[in-house]
Amino acid sequence: ISYTNYRFFLSKRSIYLVVFNLIDQENWNLEYWLRTVESSDSDASIILVGTNVDHETVNDQYLSNIGEQLDSLASKFSSISKIIYVSTTSNL
């Protein structure tokens, strides 16, 4: 969703998927999207979905570091209900 149109898709009592590329941290903008969702619906349930878990640069140490960053976000945003990682090429 583009920045100009996203407000059309925010509604009360919804579950939101905030999808981001694990290997492109510079463009996550997670705090922006989390604040946006929470300001629209303080009771929202947000699932963070990190893609590209199968990328060659993603290993256990990398995921551990990312996990710490995401856990820190989860402590700031109570609406985060789950954090998952998915593959873009297989059924992981």
C-alpha atoms as a PDB file:
ATOM      1  CA  ILE A   1       0.000   0.000   0.000  1.00  0.00           C
ATOM      2  CA  SER A   2       1.382   3.384  -0.848  1.00  0.00           C
ATOM      3  CA  TYR A   3       1.736   6.105   1.735  1.00  0.00           C
ATOM      4  CA  THR A   4      -1.051   8.149   0.152  1.00  0.00           C
ATOM      5  CA  ASN A   5      -3.678   5.385   0.103  1.00  0.00           C
ATOM      6  CA  TYR A   6      -3.105   3.320   3.230  1.00  0.00           C
ATOM      7  CA  ARG A   7      -5.690   5.130   5.381  1.00  0.00           C
ATOM      8  CA  PHE A   8      -8.475   3.687   3.217  1.00  0.00           C
ATOM      9  CA  PHE A   9      -7.537   0.233   4.498  1.00  0.00           C
ATOM     10  CA  LEU A  10      -7.400   0.920   8.242  1.00  0.00           C
ATOM     11  CA  SER A  11     -10.446  -0.132  10.216  1.00  0.00           C
ATOM     12  CA  LYS A  12     -11.407  -0.995  13.782  1.00  0.00           C
ATOM     13  CA  ARG A  13     -11.135  -4.528  15.180  1.00  0.00           C
ATOM     14  CA  SER A  14      -8.830  -5.777  12.449  1.00  0.00           C
ATOM     15  CA  ILE A  15      -5.790  -7.974  12.257  1.00  0.00           C
ATOM     16  CA  TYR A  16      -2.906  -6.320  10.470  1.00  0.00           C
ATOM     17  CA  LEU A  17       0.032  -7.979   8.764  1.00  0.00           C
ATOM     18  CA  VAL A  18       3.061  -5.712   8.643  1.00  0.00           C
ATOM     19  CA  VAL A  19       5.326  -7.357   6.100  1.00  0.00           C
ATOM     20  CA  PHE A  20       8.993  -6.467   5.755  1.00  0.00           C
ATOM     21  CA  ASN A  21      12.096  -7.806   4.025  1.00  0.00           C
ATOM     22  CA  LEU A  22      14.530  -9.249   6.580  1.00  0.00           C
ATOM     23  CA  ILE A  23      17.561  -8.370   4.468  1.00  0.00           C
ATOM     24  CA  ASP A  24      16.608  -4.748   3.754  1.00  0.00           C
ATOM     25  CA  GLN A  25      16.605  -3.179   7.225  1.00  0.00           C
ATOM     26  CA  GLU A  26      17.153   0.346   5.908  1.00  0.00           C
ATOM     27  CA  ASN A  27      13.675   0.350   4.365  1.00  0.00           C
ATOM     28  CA  TRP A  28      11.651  -1.328   7.103  1.00  0.00           C
ATOM     29  CA  ASN A  29       9.844   1.767   8.444  1.00  0.00           C
ATOM     30  CA  LEU A  30       8.272  -0.561  11.020  1.00  0.00           C
ATOM     31  CA  GLU A  31       7.818   2.062  13.721  1.00  0.00           C
ATOM     32  CA  TYR A  32       6.004   4.317  11.255  1.00  0.00           C
ATOM     33  CA  TRP A  33       3.544   1.583  10.268  1.00  0.00           C
ATOM     34  CA  LEU A  34       3.068   0.385  13.845  1.00  0.00           C
ATOM     35  CA  ARG A  35       2.312   3.922  15.043  1.00  0.00           C
ATOM     36  CA  THR A  36      -0.062   4.404  12.106  1.00  0.00           C
ATOM     37  CA  VAL A  37      -2.018   1.255  12.874  1.00  0.00           C
ATOM     38  CA  GLU A  38      -2.141   1.914  16.618  1.00  0.00           C
ATOM     39  CA  SER A  39      -3.292   5.504  16.093  1.00  0.00           C
ATOM     40  CA  SER A  40      -6.143   4.229  13.934  1.00  0.00           C
ATOM     41  CA  ASP A  41      -7.100   1.335  16.218  1.00  0.00           C
ATOM     42  CA  SER A  42      -5.624   1.045  19.694  1.00  0.00           C
ATOM     43  CA  ASP A  43      -7.059  -2.489  19.993  1.00  0.00           C
ATOM     44  CA  ALA A  44      -5.536  -3.707  16.738  1.00  0.00           C
ATOM     45  CA  SER A  45      -3.740  -7.002  16.552  1.00  0.00           C
ATOM     46  CA  ILE A  46      -0.530  -6.825  14.503  1.00  0.00           C
ATOM     47  CA  ILE A  47       1.478  -9.718  13.135  1.00  0.00           C
ATOM     48  CA  LEU A  48       4.974  -8.839  11.936  1.00  0.00           C
ATOM     49  CA  VAL A  49       5.994 -10.943   8.941  1.00  0.00           C
ATOM     50  CA  GLY A  50       9.667 -10.966   7.953  1.00  0.00           C
ATOM     51  CA  THR A  51      10.229 -12.265   4.434  1.00  0.00           C
ATOM     52  CA  ASN A  52      13.318 -13.767   2.777  1.00  0.00           C
ATOM     53  CA  VAL A  53      14.252 -16.013   5.712  1.00  0.00           C
ATOM     54  CA  ASP A  54      15.765 -18.334   3.108  1.00  0.00           C
ATOM     55  CA  HIS A  55      18.205 -15.717   1.777  1.00  0.00           C
ATOM     56  CA  GLU A  56      21.868 -16.771   1.873  1.00  0.00           C
ATOM     57  CA  THR A  57      22.790 -14.001   4.330  1.00  0.00           C
ATOM     58  CA  VAL A  58      20.143 -15.033   6.869  1.00  0.00           C
ATOM     59  CA  ASN A  59      21.514 -17.480   9.435  1.00  0.00           C
ATOM     60  CA  ASP A  60      20.816 -18.233  13.102  1.00  0.00           C
ATOM     61  CA  GLN A  61      22.991 -15.355  14.339  1.00  0.00           C
ATOM     62  CA  TYR A  62      21.355 -12.922  11.919  1.00  0.00           C
ATOM     63  CA  LEU A  63      17.887 -14.024  13.060  1.00  0.00           C
ATOM     64  CA  SER A  64      18.941 -13.716  16.680  1.00  0.00           C
ATOM     65  CA  ASN A  65      20.037 -10.104  16.122  1.00  0.00           C
ATOM     66  CA  ILE A  66      16.856  -9.299  14.196  1.00  0.00           C
ATOM     67  CA  GLY A  67      14.811 -10.997  16.910  1.00  0.00           C
ATOM     68  CA  GLU A  68      16.305  -8.719  19.556  1.00  0.00           C
ATOM     69  CA  GLN A  69      15.381  -5.645  17.505  1.00  0.00           C
ATOM     70  CA  LEU A  70      11.850  -6.900  16.941  1.00  0.00           C
ATOM     71  CA  ASP A  71      11.417  -7.857  20.605  1.00  0.00           C
ATOM     72  CA  SER A  72      12.396  -4.297  21.478  1.00  0.00           C
ATOM     73  CA  LEU A  73       9.686  -3.028  19.125  1.00  0.00           C
ATOM     74  CA  ALA A  74       7.175  -5.437  20.655  1.00  0.00           C
ATOM     75  CA  SER A  75       7.893  -3.965  24.085  1.00  0.00           C
ATOM     76  CA  LYS A  76       7.002  -0.497  22.730  1.00  0.00           C
ATOM     77  CA  PHE A  77       3.939  -1.588  20.732  1.00  0.00           C
ATOM     78  CA  SER A  78       1.575  -3.775  22.724  1.00  0.00           C
ATOM     79  CA  SER A  79      -0.531  -4.480  19.639  1.00  0.00           C
ATOM     80  CA  ILE A  80       2.158  -6.797  18.201  1.00  0.00           C
ATOM     81  CA  SER A  81       0.737 -10.248  18.807  1.00  0.00           C
ATOM     82  CA  LYS A  82       3.199 -12.371  16.842  1.00  0.00           C
ATOM     83  CA  ILE A  83       6.436 -12.197  14.877  1.00  0.00           C
ATOM     84  CA  ILE A  84       7.007 -14.738  12.121  1.00  0.00           C
ATOM     85  CA  TYR A  85       9.560 -15.316   9.373  1.00  0.00           C
ATOM     86  CA  VAL A  86       8.673 -16.717   5.963  1.00  0.00           C
ATOM     87  CA  SER A  87      10.434 -17.823   2.819  1.00  0.00           C
ATOM     88  CA  THR A  88       9.729 -16.170  -0.484  1.00  0.00           C
ATOM     89  CA  THR A  89      10.734 -19.247  -2.466  1.00  0.00           C
ATOM     90  CA  SER A  90       9.636 -22.286  -0.448  1.00  0.00           C
ATOM     91  CA  ASN A  91       7.104 -23.370   2.152  1.00  0.00           C
ATOM     92  CA  LEU A  92       9.164 -22.372   5.199  1.00  0.00           C
END
